[in-house]
Amino acid sequence: MDRIKRKRRMRQRRHFRVRKKVSGTAERPRLTVFRSSMHIYCQVIDDSAGRTLACADTRGPAKGTGNCAAAGRVGTQIAEKVLGLGLKKVVFDRSGYMYHGRVKALAEAARKAGLEF
């Protein structure tokens, strides 16, 4: 159990360290990712106003579980929502997770759908 707690604590420390430097603005909001063992969630946040502009996740029976294919669908969904708001550029915040697997699939799908990081 200590190994799991340490792993979670280290990810949070990496996330806080990055968040000191990365923030979203109205022109370039922050695309943040959270992955659990079952699902993956992402939000586009304007930190200057303190509000969430768009969100997408893998919850629900039609969306499936949190594998790489589902993460790609979430990336496409979030890109469509952000482009619908008239924004094209975002700052990618991986929340302390390594850039591989589901996080990478989400980011690449969002780029392919038209977002610029």
N, C-alpha and C. Protein backbone atom coordinates (compact mmCIF):
# COMPACT_ATOMS: atom_id res chain seq x y z
N MET A 1 0.82 -1.20 0.00
CA MET A 1 0.00 0.00 0.00
C MET A 1 0.86 1.26 0.00
N ASP A 2 2.00 1.20 0.66
CA ASP A 2 2.87 2.36 0.70
C ASP A 2 3.38 2.73 -0.69
N ARG A 3 3.59 1.73 -1.53
CA ARG A 3 4.07 1.99 -2.88
C ARG A 3 3.03 2.77 -3.68
N ILE A 4 1.77 2.42 -3.50
CA ILE A 4 0.69 3.10 -4.22
C ILE A 4 0.56 4.54 -3.73
N LYS A 5 0.62 4.73 -2.42
CA LYS A 5 0.53 6.09 -1.87
C LYS A 5 1.70 6.95 -2.33
N ARG A 6 2.89 6.35 -2.36
CA ARG A 6 4.08 7.09 -2.79
C ARG A 6 3.98 7.47 -4.26
N LYS A 7 3.48 6.56 -5.08
CA LYS A 7 3.32 6.84 -6.50
C LYS A 7 2.33 7.99 -6.72
N ARG A 8 1.22 7.97 -5.99
CA ARG A 8 0.22 9.04 -6.11
C ARG A 8 0.79 10.37 -5.63
N ARG A 9 1.53 10.34 -4.51
CA ARG A 9 2.12 11.55 -3.96
C ARG A 9 3.16 12.14 -4.91
N MET A 10 3.96 11.31 -5.55
CA MET A 10 4.97 11.79 -6.49
C MET A 10 4.32 12.42 -7.73
N ARG A 11 3.22 11.83 -8.21
CA ARG A 11 2.53 12.41 -9.35
C ARG A 11 1.96 13.77 -8.98
N GLN A 12 1.41 13.89 -7.78
CA GLN A 12 0.87 15.18 -7.34
C GLN A 12 1.97 16.22 -7.21
N ARG A 13 3.13 15.83 -6.74
CA ARG A 13 4.25 16.77 -6.65
C ARG A 13 4.68 17.25 -8.03
N ARG A 14 4.75 16.32 -9.00
CA ARG A 14 5.09 16.72 -10.37
C ARG A 14 4.03 17.67 -10.92
N HIS A 15 2.76 17.37 -10.64
CA HIS A 15 1.67 18.20 -11.13
C HIS A 15 1.74 19.61 -10.55
N PHE A 16 1.97 19.73 -9.24
CA PHE A 16 2.08 21.05 -8.61
C PHE A 16 3.27 21.83 -9.15
N ARG A 17 4.37 21.14 -9.39
CA ARG A 17 5.57 21.79 -9.91
C ARG A 17 5.31 22.36 -11.31
N VAL A 18 4.60 21.62 -12.14
CA VAL A 18 4.28 22.10 -13.49
C VAL A 18 3.24 23.21 -13.44
N ARG A 19 2.26 23.09 -12.52
CA ARG A 19 1.20 24.09 -12.45
C ARG A 19 1.70 25.46 -12.00
N LYS A 20 2.86 25.52 -11.37
CA LYS A 20 3.43 26.82 -11.03
C LYS A 20 3.80 27.59 -12.28
N LYS A 21 4.10 26.89 -13.36
CA LYS A 21 4.56 27.52 -14.59
C LYS A 21 3.50 27.57 -15.69
N VAL A 22 2.60 26.60 -15.72
CA VAL A 22 1.62 26.48 -16.80
C VAL A 22 0.27 27.00 -16.34
N SER A 23 -0.29 27.92 -17.09
CA SER A 23 -1.65 28.38 -16.81
C SER A 23 -2.32 28.73 -18.12
N GLY A 24 -3.64 28.66 -18.11
CA GLY A 24 -4.41 28.95 -19.30
C GLY A 24 -4.95 30.36 -19.28
N THR A 25 -5.07 30.95 -20.45
CA THR A 25 -5.65 32.28 -20.59
C THR A 25 -6.89 32.17 -21.45
N ALA A 26 -7.55 33.29 -21.67
CA ALA A 26 -8.74 33.28 -22.51
C ALA A 26 -8.38 32.95 -23.96
N GLU A 27 -7.21 33.42 -24.42
CA GLU A 27 -6.80 33.17 -25.80
C GLU A 27 -6.21 31.77 -25.97
N ARG A 28 -5.57 31.25 -24.91
CA ARG A 28 -4.93 29.94 -24.97
C ARG A 28 -5.20 29.20 -23.66
N PRO A 29 -6.36 28.53 -23.57
CA PRO A 29 -6.71 27.84 -22.32
C PRO A 29 -5.88 26.58 -22.12
N ARG A 30 -5.97 26.02 -20.92
CA ARG A 30 -5.20 24.84 -20.53
C ARG A 30 -6.05 23.59 -20.71
N LEU A 31 -5.52 22.61 -21.45
CA LEU A 31 -6.16 21.31 -21.61
C LEU A 31 -5.53 20.35 -20.62
N THR A 32 -6.26 19.98 -19.58
CA THR A 32 -5.73 19.13 -18.53
C THR A 32 -6.34 17.74 -18.60
N VAL A 33 -5.57 16.74 -18.20
CA VAL A 33 -5.96 15.34 -18.30
C VAL A 33 -5.92 14.71 -16.92
N PHE A 34 -6.93 13.90 -16.61
CA PHE A 34 -6.90 13.06 -15.42
C PHE A 34 -7.25 11.65 -15.85
N ARG A 35 -6.45 10.69 -15.42
CA ARG A 35 -6.76 9.31 -15.76
C ARG A 35 -6.91 8.50 -14.49
N SER A 36 -7.98 7.75 -14.43
CA SER A 36 -8.19 6.83 -13.32
C SER A 36 -7.94 5.43 -13.86
N SER A 37 -8.16 4.43 -13.03
CA SER A 37 -7.93 3.07 -13.50
C SER A 37 -8.97 2.64 -14.52
N MET A 38 -10.15 3.25 -14.50
CA MET A 38 -11.22 2.85 -15.41
C MET A 38 -11.49 3.86 -16.53
N HIS A 39 -11.30 5.14 -16.27
CA HIS A 39 -11.71 6.16 -17.22
C HIS A 39 -10.62 7.21 -17.41
N ILE A 40 -10.84 8.08 -18.40
CA ILE A 40 -9.96 9.22 -18.62
C ILE A 40 -10.84 10.45 -18.80
N TYR A 41 -10.43 11.54 -18.21
CA TYR A 41 -11.21 12.78 -18.21
C TYR A 41 -10.31 13.90 -18.71
N CYS A 42 -10.87 14.88 -19.41
CA CYS A 42 -10.10 16.06 -19.78
C CYS A 42 -10.99 17.29 -19.71
N GLN A 43 -10.37 18.41 -19.42
CA GLN A 43 -11.06 19.69 -19.32
C GLN A 43 -10.24 20.76 -19.99
N VAL A 44 -10.91 21.74 -20.53
CA VAL A 44 -10.25 22.93 -21.06
C VAL A 44 -10.62 24.06 -20.11
N ILE A 45 -9.59 24.66 -19.48
CA ILE A 45 -9.79 25.59 -18.39
C ILE A 45 -9.17 26.94 -18.71
N ASP A 46 -9.91 28.01 -18.46
CA ASP A 46 -9.40 29.37 -18.52
C ASP A 46 -9.04 29.76 -17.09
N ASP A 47 -7.75 29.71 -16.76
CA ASP A 47 -7.31 29.96 -15.38
C ASP A 47 -7.46 31.42 -14.98
N SER A 48 -7.39 32.34 -15.93
CA SER A 48 -7.52 33.75 -15.57
C SER A 48 -8.94 34.07 -15.09
N ALA A 49 -9.95 33.43 -15.68
CA ALA A 49 -11.33 33.63 -15.25
C ALA A 49 -11.76 32.58 -14.23
N GLY A 50 -10.99 31.50 -14.12
CA GLY A 50 -11.31 30.45 -13.16
C GLY A 50 -12.52 29.62 -13.54
N ARG A 51 -12.66 29.30 -14.83
CA ARG A 51 -13.82 28.51 -15.24
C ARG A 51 -13.45 27.47 -16.28
N THR A 52 -14.24 26.43 -16.33
CA THR A 52 -14.05 25.35 -17.30
C THR A 52 -14.85 25.68 -18.55
N LEU A 53 -14.18 25.63 -19.69
CA LEU A 53 -14.83 25.96 -20.96
C LEU A 53 -15.46 24.73 -21.61
N ALA A 54 -14.81 23.58 -21.50
CA ALA A 54 -15.32 22.35 -22.11
C ALA A 54 -14.75 21.16 -21.37
N CYS A 55 -15.46 20.03 -21.44
CA CYS A 55 -14.95 18.81 -20.81
C CYS A 55 -15.43 17.60 -21.59
N ALA A 56 -14.70 16.50 -21.45
CA ALA A 56 -15.06 15.24 -22.08
C ALA A 56 -14.47 14.11 -21.25
N ASP A 57 -15.11 12.95 -21.31
CA ASP A 57 -14.62 11.79 -20.55
C ASP A 57 -15.13 10.51 -21.19
N THR A 58 -14.74 9.39 -20.61
CA THR A 58 -15.14 8.08 -21.14
C THR A 58 -16.28 7.46 -20.35
N ARG A 59 -16.90 8.19 -19.44
CA ARG A 59 -17.99 7.62 -18.67
C ARG A 59 -19.22 7.44 -19.55
N GLY A 60 -20.06 6.49 -19.20
CA GLY A 60 -21.28 6.22 -19.94
C GLY A 60 -21.17 4.92 -20.70
N PRO A 61 -22.30 4.27 -20.92
CA PRO A 61 -22.26 2.95 -21.56
C PRO A 61 -21.82 2.98 -23.02
N ALA A 62 -22.09 4.05 -23.73
CA ALA A 62 -21.76 4.10 -25.16
C ALA A 62 -20.30 4.47 -25.41
N LYS A 63 -19.63 5.02 -24.41
CA LYS A 63 -18.26 5.51 -24.62
C LYS A 63 -17.20 4.47 -24.33
N GLY A 64 -17.50 3.46 -23.53
CA GLY A 64 -16.54 2.41 -23.24
C GLY A 64 -15.65 2.74 -22.06
N THR A 65 -14.67 1.86 -21.84
CA THR A 65 -13.77 2.05 -20.72
C THR A 65 -12.58 2.90 -21.14
N GLY A 66 -11.64 3.08 -20.22
CA GLY A 66 -10.55 4.01 -20.44
C GLY A 66 -9.33 3.40 -21.11
N ASN A 67 -9.48 2.77 -22.25
CA ASN A 67 -8.30 2.28 -22.97
C ASN A 67 -7.83 3.31 -23.98
N CYS A 68 -6.79 3.00 -24.75
CA CYS A 68 -6.22 3.98 -25.67
C CYS A 68 -7.20 4.40 -26.76
N ALA A 69 -8.00 3.48 -27.24
CA ALA A 69 -8.99 3.83 -28.28
C ALA A 69 -10.02 4.81 -27.72
N ALA A 70 -10.48 4.55 -26.51
CA ALA A 70 -11.45 5.45 -25.89
C ALA A 70 -10.82 6.81 -25.61
N ALA A 71 -9.55 6.82 -25.22
CA ALA A 71 -8.85 8.09 -24.99
C ALA A 71 -8.75 8.88 -26.28
N GLY A 72 -8.54 8.21 -27.39
CA GLY A 72 -8.52 8.89 -28.68
C GLY A 72 -9.86 9.52 -29.01
N ARG A 73 -10.95 8.81 -28.70
CA ARG A 73 -12.28 9.38 -28.93
C ARG A 73 -12.51 10.60 -28.06
N VAL A 74 -12.03 10.56 -26.83
CA VAL A 74 -12.17 11.71 -25.93
C VAL A 74 -11.37 12.90 -26.47
N GLY A 75 -10.17 12.65 -26.99
CA GLY A 75 -9.37 13.72 -27.59
C GLY A 75 -10.07 14.36 -28.77
N THR A 76 -10.71 13.56 -29.59
CA THR A 76 -11.46 14.09 -30.73
C THR A 76 -12.65 14.91 -30.25
N GLN A 77 -13.36 14.41 -29.24
CA GLN A 77 -14.52 15.13 -28.70
C GLN A 77 -14.13 16.48 -28.13
N ILE A 78 -13.06 16.52 -27.35
CA ILE A 78 -12.66 17.78 -26.74
C ILE A 78 -12.20 18.77 -27.80
N ALA A 79 -11.54 18.28 -28.83
CA ALA A 79 -11.10 19.16 -29.91
C ALA A 79 -12.29 19.78 -30.63
N GLU A 80 -13.31 18.98 -30.87
CA GLU A 80 -14.51 19.50 -31.55
C GLU A 80 -15.19 20.57 -30.69
N LYS A 81 -15.26 20.34 -29.38
CA LYS A 81 -15.88 21.32 -28.48
C LYS A 81 -15.09 22.62 -28.44
N VAL A 82 -13.76 22.51 -28.37
CA VAL A 82 -12.93 23.71 -28.29
C VAL A 82 -12.97 24.48 -29.61
N LEU A 83 -12.91 23.77 -30.72
CA LEU A 83 -13.00 24.44 -32.02
C LEU A 83 -14.37 25.09 -32.19
N GLY A 84 -15.40 24.51 -31.62
CA GLY A 84 -16.74 25.10 -31.64
C GLY A 84 -16.82 26.40 -30.84
N LEU A 85 -15.94 26.56 -29.87
CA LEU A 85 -15.87 27.80 -29.09
C LEU A 85 -15.09 28.89 -29.81
N GLY A 86 -14.47 28.55 -30.94
CA GLY A 86 -13.69 29.53 -31.69
C GLY A 86 -12.24 29.60 -31.27
N LEU A 87 -11.77 28.62 -30.53
CA LEU A 87 -10.38 28.56 -30.10
C LEU A 87 -9.65 27.49 -30.88
N LYS A 88 -8.38 27.71 -31.14
CA LYS A 88 -7.59 26.73 -31.88
C LYS A 88 -6.36 26.28 -31.11
N LYS A 89 -5.80 27.16 -30.26
CA LYS A 89 -4.58 26.84 -29.53
C LYS A 89 -4.89 26.61 -28.05
N VAL A 90 -4.27 25.58 -27.48
CA VAL A 90 -4.38 25.29 -26.06
C VAL A 90 -3.00 24.96 -25.51
N VAL A 91 -2.89 25.01 -24.19
CA VAL A 91 -1.68 24.58 -23.48
C VAL A 91 -1.98 23.20 -22.92
N PHE A 92 -1.15 22.21 -23.21
CA PHE A 92 -1.41 20.85 -22.77
C PHE A 92 -0.79 20.62 -21.39
N ASP A 93 -1.62 20.20 -20.44
CA ASP A 93 -1.19 19.90 -19.08
C ASP A 93 -1.46 18.42 -18.84
N ARG A 94 -0.40 17.63 -18.78
CA ARG A 94 -0.56 16.18 -18.62
C ARG A 94 -0.72 15.78 -17.17
N SER A 95 -0.75 16.73 -16.25
CA SER A 95 -1.05 16.52 -14.83
C SER A 95 -0.08 15.58 -14.13
N GLY A 96 1.15 15.59 -14.54
CA GLY A 96 2.16 14.78 -13.88
C GLY A 96 2.26 13.36 -14.39
N TYR A 97 1.39 12.96 -15.32
CA TYR A 97 1.45 11.63 -15.89
C TYR A 97 2.52 11.59 -16.98
N MET A 98 3.08 10.40 -17.20
CA MET A 98 4.04 10.25 -18.28
C MET A 98 3.32 10.38 -19.62
N TYR A 99 4.02 10.90 -20.62
CA TYR A 99 3.41 11.11 -21.93
C TYR A 99 3.52 9.81 -22.74
N HIS A 100 2.67 8.85 -22.43
CA HIS A 100 2.58 7.63 -23.20
C HIS A 100 1.22 7.00 -22.91
N GLY A 101 0.86 6.01 -23.67
CA GLY A 101 -0.40 5.31 -23.44
C GLY A 101 -1.62 6.18 -23.68
N ARG A 102 -2.51 6.21 -22.69
CA ARG A 102 -3.78 6.92 -22.86
C ARG A 102 -3.60 8.42 -22.96
N VAL A 103 -2.65 8.98 -22.23
CA VAL A 103 -2.41 10.43 -22.29
C VAL A 103 -1.92 10.81 -23.68
N LYS A 104 -1.00 10.04 -24.23
CA LYS A 104 -0.48 10.30 -25.57
C LYS A 104 -1.56 10.12 -26.63
N ALA A 105 -2.39 9.09 -26.49
CA ALA A 105 -3.48 8.85 -27.45
C ALA A 105 -4.46 10.02 -27.46
N LEU A 106 -4.79 10.54 -26.29
CA LEU A 106 -5.70 11.68 -26.20
C LEU A 106 -5.10 12.90 -26.87
N ALA A 107 -3.83 13.19 -26.58
CA ALA A 107 -3.17 14.37 -27.14
C ALA A 107 -3.05 14.28 -28.66
N GLU A 108 -2.65 13.12 -29.17
CA GLU A 108 -2.49 12.97 -30.61
C GLU A 108 -3.82 13.05 -31.35
N ALA A 109 -4.89 12.50 -30.75
CA ALA A 109 -6.21 12.60 -31.37
C ALA A 109 -6.69 14.05 -31.40
N ALA A 110 -6.41 14.80 -30.34
CA ALA A 110 -6.81 16.21 -30.31
C ALA A 110 -6.04 17.01 -31.35
N ARG A 111 -4.75 16.71 -31.51
CA ARG A 111 -3.97 17.39 -32.55
C ARG A 111 -4.49 17.06 -33.94
N LYS A 112 -4.81 15.79 -34.14
CA LYS A 112 -5.29 15.35 -35.45
C LYS A 112 -6.63 16.01 -35.79
N ALA A 113 -7.44 16.28 -34.77
CA ALA A 113 -8.73 16.91 -34.98
C ALA A 113 -8.65 18.41 -35.19
N GLY A 114 -7.44 19.00 -35.00
CA GLY A 114 -7.28 20.41 -35.33
C GLY A 114 -6.78 21.31 -34.22
N LEU A 115 -6.58 20.81 -33.01
CA LEU A 115 -6.04 21.64 -31.95
C LEU A 115 -4.53 21.80 -32.09
N GLU A 116 -4.02 22.93 -31.66
CA GLU A 116 -2.58 23.18 -31.66
C GLU A 116 -2.12 23.31 -30.22
N PHE A 117 -1.06 22.58 -29.87
CA PHE A 117 -0.49 22.66 -28.52
C PHE A 117 0.73 23.52 -28.54
